[in-house]
Protein backbone atom coordinates (compact mmCIF):
# COMPACT_ATOMS: atom_id res chain seq x y z
CA MET A 1 -14.08 6.03 -30.59
CA ASN A 2 -17.68 5.85 -29.33
CA LEU A 3 -20.05 2.90 -28.99
CA LYS A 4 -21.65 3.53 -32.39
CA SER A 5 -18.29 3.52 -34.19
CA LEU A 6 -17.19 0.34 -32.42
CA ALA A 7 -20.45 -1.40 -33.33
CA GLU A 8 -20.09 -0.33 -36.99
CA ALA A 9 -16.49 -1.60 -37.12
CA LEU A 10 -17.66 -5.00 -35.83
CA GLY A 11 -20.81 -5.17 -37.94
CA LEU A 12 -22.93 -5.59 -34.80
CA SER A 13 -25.75 -3.62 -33.23
CA GLN A 14 -24.94 -1.12 -30.50
CA THR A 15 -27.16 -3.13 -28.13
CA THR A 16 -25.15 -6.32 -28.74
CA VAL A 17 -21.82 -4.52 -28.23
CA SER A 18 -23.07 -2.84 -25.05
CA ARG A 19 -24.38 -6.11 -23.64
CA ALA A 20 -21.13 -7.91 -24.49
CA LEU A 21 -19.05 -5.28 -22.68
CA ASN A 22 -21.35 -5.31 -19.65
CA GLY A 23 -21.30 -9.09 -19.20
CA TYR A 24 -24.91 -9.94 -20.10
CA PRO A 25 -25.31 -13.76 -20.16
CA GLU A 26 -27.32 -13.88 -23.41
CA VAL A 27 -24.25 -12.81 -25.42
CA SER A 28 -22.18 -15.77 -26.62
CA GLU A 29 -18.64 -16.19 -25.32
CA ALA A 30 -17.23 -15.92 -28.87
CA THR A 31 -19.02 -12.60 -29.46
CA ARG A 32 -18.02 -11.27 -26.06
CA LYS A 33 -14.37 -12.10 -26.70
CA ARG A 34 -14.49 -10.52 -30.17
CA VAL A 35 -16.01 -7.31 -28.80
CA GLU A 36 -13.57 -7.07 -25.90
CA GLU A 37 -10.56 -7.59 -28.17
CA ALA A 38 -11.84 -4.91 -30.55
CA ALA A 39 -12.43 -2.48 -27.68
CA VAL A 40 -8.80 -2.89 -26.63
CA ARG A 41 -7.54 -2.61 -30.20
CA PHE A 42 -9.48 0.59 -30.92
CA GLY A 43 -8.92 2.09 -27.45
CA TYR A 44 -12.64 2.16 -26.64
CA ARG A 45 -13.70 2.75 -23.05
CA PRO A 46 -17.38 2.76 -22.04
CA ASN A 47 -18.73 6.09 -20.82
CA SER A 48 -19.14 5.58 -17.10
CA ARG A 49 -22.12 7.95 -16.88
CA ALA A 50 -24.00 6.11 -19.62
CA LYS A 51 -23.09 2.74 -18.14
CA GLY A 52 -24.32 3.92 -14.76
CA LEU A 53 -27.69 4.89 -16.19
CA ALA A 54 -27.98 1.48 -17.79
CA THR A 55 -27.01 -0.52 -14.72
CA GLY A 56 -28.36 1.67 -11.92
CA ARG A 57 -24.87 2.04 -10.49
CA ALA A 58 -22.79 5.14 -9.82
CA MET A 59 -19.72 3.59 -11.52
CA LEU A 60 -17.56 5.36 -8.95
CA ILE A 61 -15.31 4.05 -6.17
CA GLY A 62 -14.74 6.43 -3.30
CA GLN A 63 -11.66 7.16 -1.25
CA VAL A 64 -12.00 9.61 1.62
CA ILE A 65 -8.84 11.51 2.59
CA PRO A 66 -9.06 13.16 6.03
CA THR A 67 -7.21 16.48 6.29
CA SER A 68 -5.22 14.98 9.17
CA THR A 69 -3.59 12.61 6.66
CA GLN A 70 -3.49 14.95 3.65
CA HIS A 71 0.24 14.15 3.28
CA GLU A 72 -0.97 10.85 1.78
CA MET A 73 -2.07 12.75 -1.33
CA VAL A 74 1.55 13.60 -2.22
CA ASN A 75 3.11 10.39 -0.94
CA PRO A 76 4.54 8.36 -3.86
CA VAL A 77 3.29 5.18 -2.14
CA PHE A 78 -0.29 6.46 -2.36
CA GLY A 79 0.26 7.51 -5.97
CA ASP A 80 1.47 4.08 -7.02
CA PHE A 81 -1.41 2.37 -5.21
CA VAL A 82 -3.96 4.60 -6.96
CA ALA A 83 -2.27 3.94 -10.32
CA GLY A 84 -2.64 0.18 -9.85
CA ALA A 85 -6.17 0.31 -8.48
CA SER A 86 -7.51 2.80 -11.03
CA GLN A 87 -6.06 0.79 -13.92
CA ASN A 88 -8.05 -2.30 -12.96
CA LEU A 89 -11.15 -0.32 -12.00
CA ALA A 90 -11.12 1.30 -15.43
CA GLN A 91 -11.26 -2.12 -17.07
CA HIS A 92 -14.65 -2.53 -15.37
CA GLY A 93 -15.79 0.96 -16.43
CA TYR A 94 -15.22 2.51 -12.99
CA ASP A 95 -13.71 5.85 -12.04
CA MET A 96 -12.23 6.82 -8.68
CA LEU A 97 -13.57 9.66 -6.53
CA LEU A 98 -11.14 11.21 -4.03
CA THR A 99 -12.83 13.27 -1.30
CA ARG A 100 -10.90 15.38 1.20
CA VAL A 101 -12.73 16.06 4.48
CA PRO A 102 -12.01 17.13 8.07
CA GLY A 103 -11.14 14.08 10.17
CA ASP A 104 -14.30 14.18 12.27
CA ASP A 105 -16.52 14.31 9.14
CA GLU A 106 -15.29 11.05 7.60
CA GLY A 107 -18.14 8.95 8.99
CA LYS A 108 -20.68 11.52 7.80
CA VAL A 109 -19.30 11.26 4.25
CA TYR A 110 -19.69 7.48 4.20
CA ARG A 111 -23.30 7.78 5.35
CA GLU A 112 -23.98 10.36 2.63
CA PHE A 113 -22.32 8.13 0.03
CA ARG A 114 -24.70 5.35 1.02
CA ALA A 115 -27.82 7.50 1.25
CA ARG A 116 -27.28 9.20 -2.14
CA GLY A 117 -25.87 6.18 -3.95
CA ALA A 118 -22.92 8.39 -4.85
CA VAL A 119 -20.45 5.51 -5.03
CA ASP A 120 -20.76 1.75 -5.42
CA GLY A 121 -17.96 0.99 -2.95
CA VAL A 122 -15.09 2.54 -1.03
CA ILE A 123 -11.43 1.84 -0.37
CA ILE A 124 -10.07 2.38 3.13
CA GLN A 125 -6.43 3.44 3.26
CA ALA A 126 -3.90 3.36 6.11
CA PRO A 127 -6.07 1.68 8.77
CA ASP A 128 -5.32 2.36 12.41
CA VAL A 129 -5.15 -0.27 15.11
CA LYS A 130 -8.80 -0.84 16.18
CA ASP A 131 -10.03 1.27 13.25
CA ASP A 132 -13.68 2.26 13.85
CA ARG A 133 -14.39 2.88 10.14
CA ILE A 134 -14.72 -0.86 9.59
CA ALA A 135 -17.64 -1.27 12.01
CA LEU A 136 -19.33 1.82 10.55
CA LEU A 137 -19.14 0.59 6.95
CA ASN A 138 -20.33 -2.89 7.92
CA ARG A 139 -23.26 -1.30 9.74
CA ILE A 140 -24.41 0.96 6.89
CA GLY A 141 -23.94 -1.77 4.27
CA LEU A 142 -21.67 0.09 1.85
CA PRO A 143 -19.30 -2.32 0.02
CA PHE A 144 -15.70 -1.66 1.04
CA ILE A 145 -12.24 -3.14 1.19
CA VAL A 146 -9.26 -2.13 3.32
CA HIS A 147 -5.72 -1.63 2.05
CA GLY A 148 -4.14 -3.16 5.14
CA ARG A 149 -5.64 -4.70 8.26
CA SER A 150 -6.69 -3.47 11.67
CA THR A 151 -5.43 -5.28 14.75
CA GLY A 152 -8.16 -5.52 17.36
CA VAL A 153 -11.08 -5.60 14.91
CA THR A 154 -12.77 -8.99 15.18
CA GLU A 155 -15.77 -8.59 12.86
CA PRO A 156 -15.41 -9.86 9.27
CA TYR A 157 -14.24 -7.46 6.58
CA SER A 158 -12.35 -7.57 3.28
CA TRP A 159 -8.70 -6.58 3.08
CA VAL A 160 -5.52 -6.85 1.03
CA ASP A 161 -2.31 -6.51 3.02
CA VAL A 162 1.40 -7.29 2.94
CA ASN A 163 2.73 -9.57 5.69
CA ASN A 164 4.44 -6.77 7.60
CA THR A 165 5.22 -8.80 10.71
CA GLN A 166 6.95 -11.56 8.77
CA ALA A 167 8.81 -9.06 6.58
CA PHE A 168 10.35 -7.17 9.49
CA ARG A 169 11.03 -10.32 11.49
CA ARG A 170 12.95 -11.73 8.53
CA ALA A 171 14.84 -8.46 7.98
CA THR A 172 15.86 -8.30 11.64
CA GLU A 173 16.93 -11.95 11.56
CA PHE A 174 19.11 -11.19 8.54
CA LEU A 175 20.90 -8.41 10.43
CA LEU A 176 21.33 -10.68 13.45
CA GLN A 177 22.89 -13.32 11.20
CA LEU A 178 25.39 -10.67 10.08
CA GLY A 179 26.40 -10.19 13.70
CA HIS A 180 24.48 -6.98 14.46
CA ARG A 181 23.11 -6.63 17.99
CA ARG A 182 22.41 -2.89 18.19
CA ILE A 183 19.66 -2.58 15.57
CA ALA A 184 17.60 0.62 15.36
CA LEU A 185 14.00 0.78 14.11
CA ILE A 186 12.96 3.88 12.15
CA ASN A 187 9.22 3.22 11.94
CA GLY A 188 6.05 4.88 10.72
CA LEU A 189 3.31 6.14 13.04
CA GLU A 190 2.59 3.16 15.26
CA ARG A 191 -1.09 3.99 15.70
CA MET A 192 -1.26 2.79 12.08
CA ASP A 193 -1.57 -0.96 11.77
CA PHE A 194 1.24 -1.56 9.27
CA ALA A 195 3.78 0.15 11.57
CA PHE A 196 2.42 -1.66 14.61
CA ARG A 197 2.93 -5.00 12.86
CA ARG A 198 6.42 -4.08 11.64
CA ARG A 199 7.53 -3.23 15.18
CA LYS A 200 6.02 -6.53 16.33
CA GLY A 201 8.13 -8.49 13.82
CA TYR A 202 11.27 -6.58 14.80
CA ILE A 203 10.75 -7.27 18.51
CA GLN A 204 9.92 -10.95 17.90
CA ALA A 205 13.23 -11.48 16.08
CA LEU A 206 15.21 -9.79 18.84
CA GLU A 207 13.48 -11.79 21.57
CA ASN A 208 13.98 -15.06 19.66
CA ALA A 209 17.70 -14.23 19.67
CA GLY A 210 17.66 -13.62 23.43
CA LEU A 211 17.87 -9.81 23.08
CA SER A 212 15.69 -7.10 24.56
CA ALA A 213 14.47 -4.22 22.42
CA ASP A 214 16.08 -0.94 23.50
CA PRO A 215 13.43 1.85 23.58
CA GLN A 216 16.15 4.37 22.68
CA LEU A 217 16.65 2.56 19.37
CA MET A 218 12.97 2.63 18.38
CA CYS A 219 11.33 5.75 16.96
CA THR A 220 8.00 6.41 15.27
CA ASP A 221 6.70 9.32 13.20
CA GLU A 222 5.55 10.26 9.73
CA MET A 223 7.90 8.64 7.24
CA THR A 224 9.66 11.71 5.88
CA GLU A 225 13.26 12.16 4.75
CA GLN A 226 13.84 14.64 7.59
CA PHE A 227 12.60 12.14 10.17
CA GLY A 228 15.09 9.51 8.99
CA TYR A 229 17.91 12.06 8.91
CA MET A 230 17.33 13.57 12.37
CA LYS A 231 16.84 10.25 14.18
CA THR A 232 19.94 8.75 12.59
CA ARG A 233 22.05 11.78 13.58
CA ARG A 234 20.79 11.51 17.15
CA MET A 235 21.43 7.76 17.46
CA LEU A 236 24.91 7.94 15.96
CA ALA A 237 25.85 10.27 18.81
CA PHE A 238 24.99 7.64 21.45
CA GLU A 239 27.79 6.24 23.59
CA ASP A 240 26.80 2.81 22.19
CA PRO A 241 25.31 3.63 18.75
CA PRO A 242 23.47 1.18 16.52
CA THR A 243 25.44 -0.72 13.89
CA ALA A 244 22.32 -1.25 11.77
CA PHE A 245 19.05 0.50 10.94
CA LEU A 246 15.75 -1.12 9.93
CA CYS A 247 13.60 1.48 8.20
CA ALA A 248 9.90 1.33 7.32
CA SER A 249 10.15 3.50 4.21
CA MET A 250 12.40 4.23 1.26
CA ILE A 251 11.70 7.93 1.86
CA SER A 252 13.00 7.91 5.44
CA ALA A 253 15.94 5.79 4.31
CA VAL A 254 17.08 8.62 2.04
CA GLY A 255 17.43 10.66 5.24
CA ILE A 256 19.40 7.86 6.91
CA ARG A 257 21.75 7.77 3.94
CA ARG A 258 22.25 11.56 4.12
CA ALA A 259 23.11 11.39 7.81
CA LEU A 260 25.64 8.60 7.23
CA GLN A 261 27.28 10.52 4.38
CA GLU A 262 27.59 13.66 6.52
CA ALA A 263 29.23 11.55 9.22
CA GLN A 264 31.63 10.16 6.56
CA LEU A 265 30.37 6.64 7.21
CA VAL A 266 30.07 4.06 4.45
CA MET A 267 26.66 2.39 4.26
CA GLY A 268 27.08 -1.37 4.18
CA ARG A 269 30.54 -1.25 5.75
CA ASP A 270 30.34 1.00 8.81
CA VAL A 271 26.55 0.88 9.26
CA SER A 272 24.01 -1.48 7.67
CA VAL A 273 20.55 -0.41 6.53
CA ILE A 274 17.46 -2.42 5.52
CA ILE A 275 14.35 -0.69 4.24
CA HIS A 276 10.84 -1.56 3.16
CA ASP A 277 10.59 -1.00 -0.60
CA ASP A 278 7.15 -0.56 -2.15
CA ASP A 279 8.75 -0.96 -5.62
CA LEU A 280 7.76 2.58 -6.56
CA SER A 281 7.60 3.75 -10.16
CA TYR A 282 9.32 7.09 -9.48
CA LEU A 283 11.59 6.21 -6.56
CA ARG A 284 13.55 3.16 -7.61
CA ASN A 285 15.86 1.17 -5.36
CA GLY A 286 18.68 1.06 -7.90
CA GLU A 287 18.67 -0.90 -11.14
CA GLU A 288 20.43 -4.27 -11.45
CA ILE A 289 21.96 -4.09 -7.96
CA PRO A 290 19.64 -2.65 -5.28
CA ILE A 291 20.99 0.34 -3.38
CA PHE A 292 19.28 -0.84 -0.19
CA THR A 293 18.75 -4.34 1.10
CA ALA A 294 14.96 -4.36 1.32
CA THR A 295 11.76 -6.17 2.05
CA ARG A 296 10.09 -5.59 -1.33
CA SER A 297 6.38 -5.66 -2.08
CA SER A 298 4.80 -3.73 -4.95
CA VAL A 299 2.12 -1.35 -3.72
CA ARG A 300 0.96 -0.92 -7.33
CA HIS A 301 0.31 -4.67 -7.53
CA ALA A 302 -1.56 -4.45 -4.21
CA GLY A 303 -3.80 -1.79 -5.78
CA GLU A 304 -4.54 -4.05 -8.73
CA VAL A 305 -5.37 -7.01 -6.49
CA LEU A 306 -7.56 -4.88 -4.24
CA ALA A 307 -9.51 -3.38 -7.15
CA ASP A 308 -10.30 -6.82 -8.56
CA ALA A 309 -11.48 -7.99 -5.14
CA LEU A 310 -13.72 -4.94 -4.70
CA MET A 311 -15.32 -5.59 -8.09
CA GLN A 312 -16.22 -9.09 -6.89
CA LEU A 313 -17.82 -7.66 -3.74
CA ILE A 314 -19.87 -5.13 -5.71
CA SER A 315 -21.06 -7.61 -8.36
CA ASP A 316 -22.06 -10.15 -5.70
CA PRO A 317 -23.47 -8.49 -2.54
CA ASP A 318 -23.57 -11.89 -0.79
CA HIS A 319 -19.90 -12.62 -1.47
CA PRO A 320 -18.04 -13.51 1.74
CA PRO A 321 -15.21 -11.18 2.85
CA ILE A 322 -12.09 -11.43 0.70
CA ASN A 323 -8.74 -11.56 2.52
CA GLN A 324 -5.45 -11.61 0.61
CA LEU A 325 -2.08 -11.58 2.36
CA LEU A 326 0.85 -10.68 0.11
CA GLU A 327 4.38 -11.72 1.05
CA ALA A 328 7.36 -9.39 0.81
CA GLN A 329 10.59 -10.57 -0.78
CA LEU A 330 13.93 -9.94 0.96
CA VAL A 331 16.31 -8.57 -1.68
CA VAL A 332 19.96 -8.07 -0.77
CA GLY A 333 21.60 -4.84 -1.89
CA SER A 334 24.79 -2.96 -1.10
CA SER A 335 23.56 -1.40 2.16
CA THR A 336 24.22 -4.38 4.46
CA GLY A 337 27.34 -6.16 5.63
CA PRO A 338 28.86 -7.85 8.68
CA ALA A 339 28.69 -5.95 11.95
CA PRO A 340 31.86 -3.87 12.44
CA LEU A 341 34.18 -4.78 15.32
CA LYS A 342 33.64 -1.31 16.75
CA ALA A 343 30.47 0.73 16.24
CA ALA A 344 30.92 4.01 14.38
CA ARG A 345 29.70 7.08 16.23
CA LEU A 346 29.65 10.83 15.83
CA PRO A 347 32.12 12.82 17.92
CA SER A 348 30.51 14.34 20.99
């Protein structure tokens, strides 16, 4: 259905319908509500190109994907985030533009976006500790919001993040309460802020219990299944192996589970595992009973929240930075249990 057909179905002029959908103040609230309800009922979506010509906006939100992090494009976490963000952006008539560039060209792309008016705002994914993209975007004046935060950046900026430090502190405390003392951390790349904060929470919990973090039990890399598998195999061969694993990703946890099965160890009895679960659409953590005990926070919901915040920043250039911290929920599954009297290990 196009604008003309929608207007005819409502018995209104195309101008009135267009103004109602674009939030013009001269349209009454009753008319606006009637038009919006009809647009949903008939499946009408404004043409973003036409809307852009009318408003002087590009009606596009940019995301720049450096080739150094191109794995993000096939990561189900990224896919769920984009699904949530694009759904809410579409409600405002916006489309999403994904641009893949060499890592050292990322700043150049943002400057070109600004100079050409190619996008109305950008989303920053996977921020590093002391991420220099934030200062650049503040300097050139392009509206932006960060999915995550950047430790070490002191200037104001907008972000939506999960409380990673609290989540991993609570998960570690839960394992300590079960009697575990040798707890391994299978983490993401710790130059990235989320992984840095997760390690911080893990170490805080250990120190609060009077324990020192063992460097041999902490590893960091891209969160692949193979990474989880190989590190678990290596640690199980230690003279004093871990009795529990805290894992930053469902994907790496699949590798942990494979390693335990090969070693004929029962997860939750011989070795406990806690993961971070982004509540993914296509990688579910069980149904009624979770497979893994997990710190759960929906990345799709984070995308929805972030998109709404970015729309506020674009519609009001003087809006102060928006900061939203989402809390993760600790859900208990079948992967955790009391620490065994004797740690299970692979034969040498």
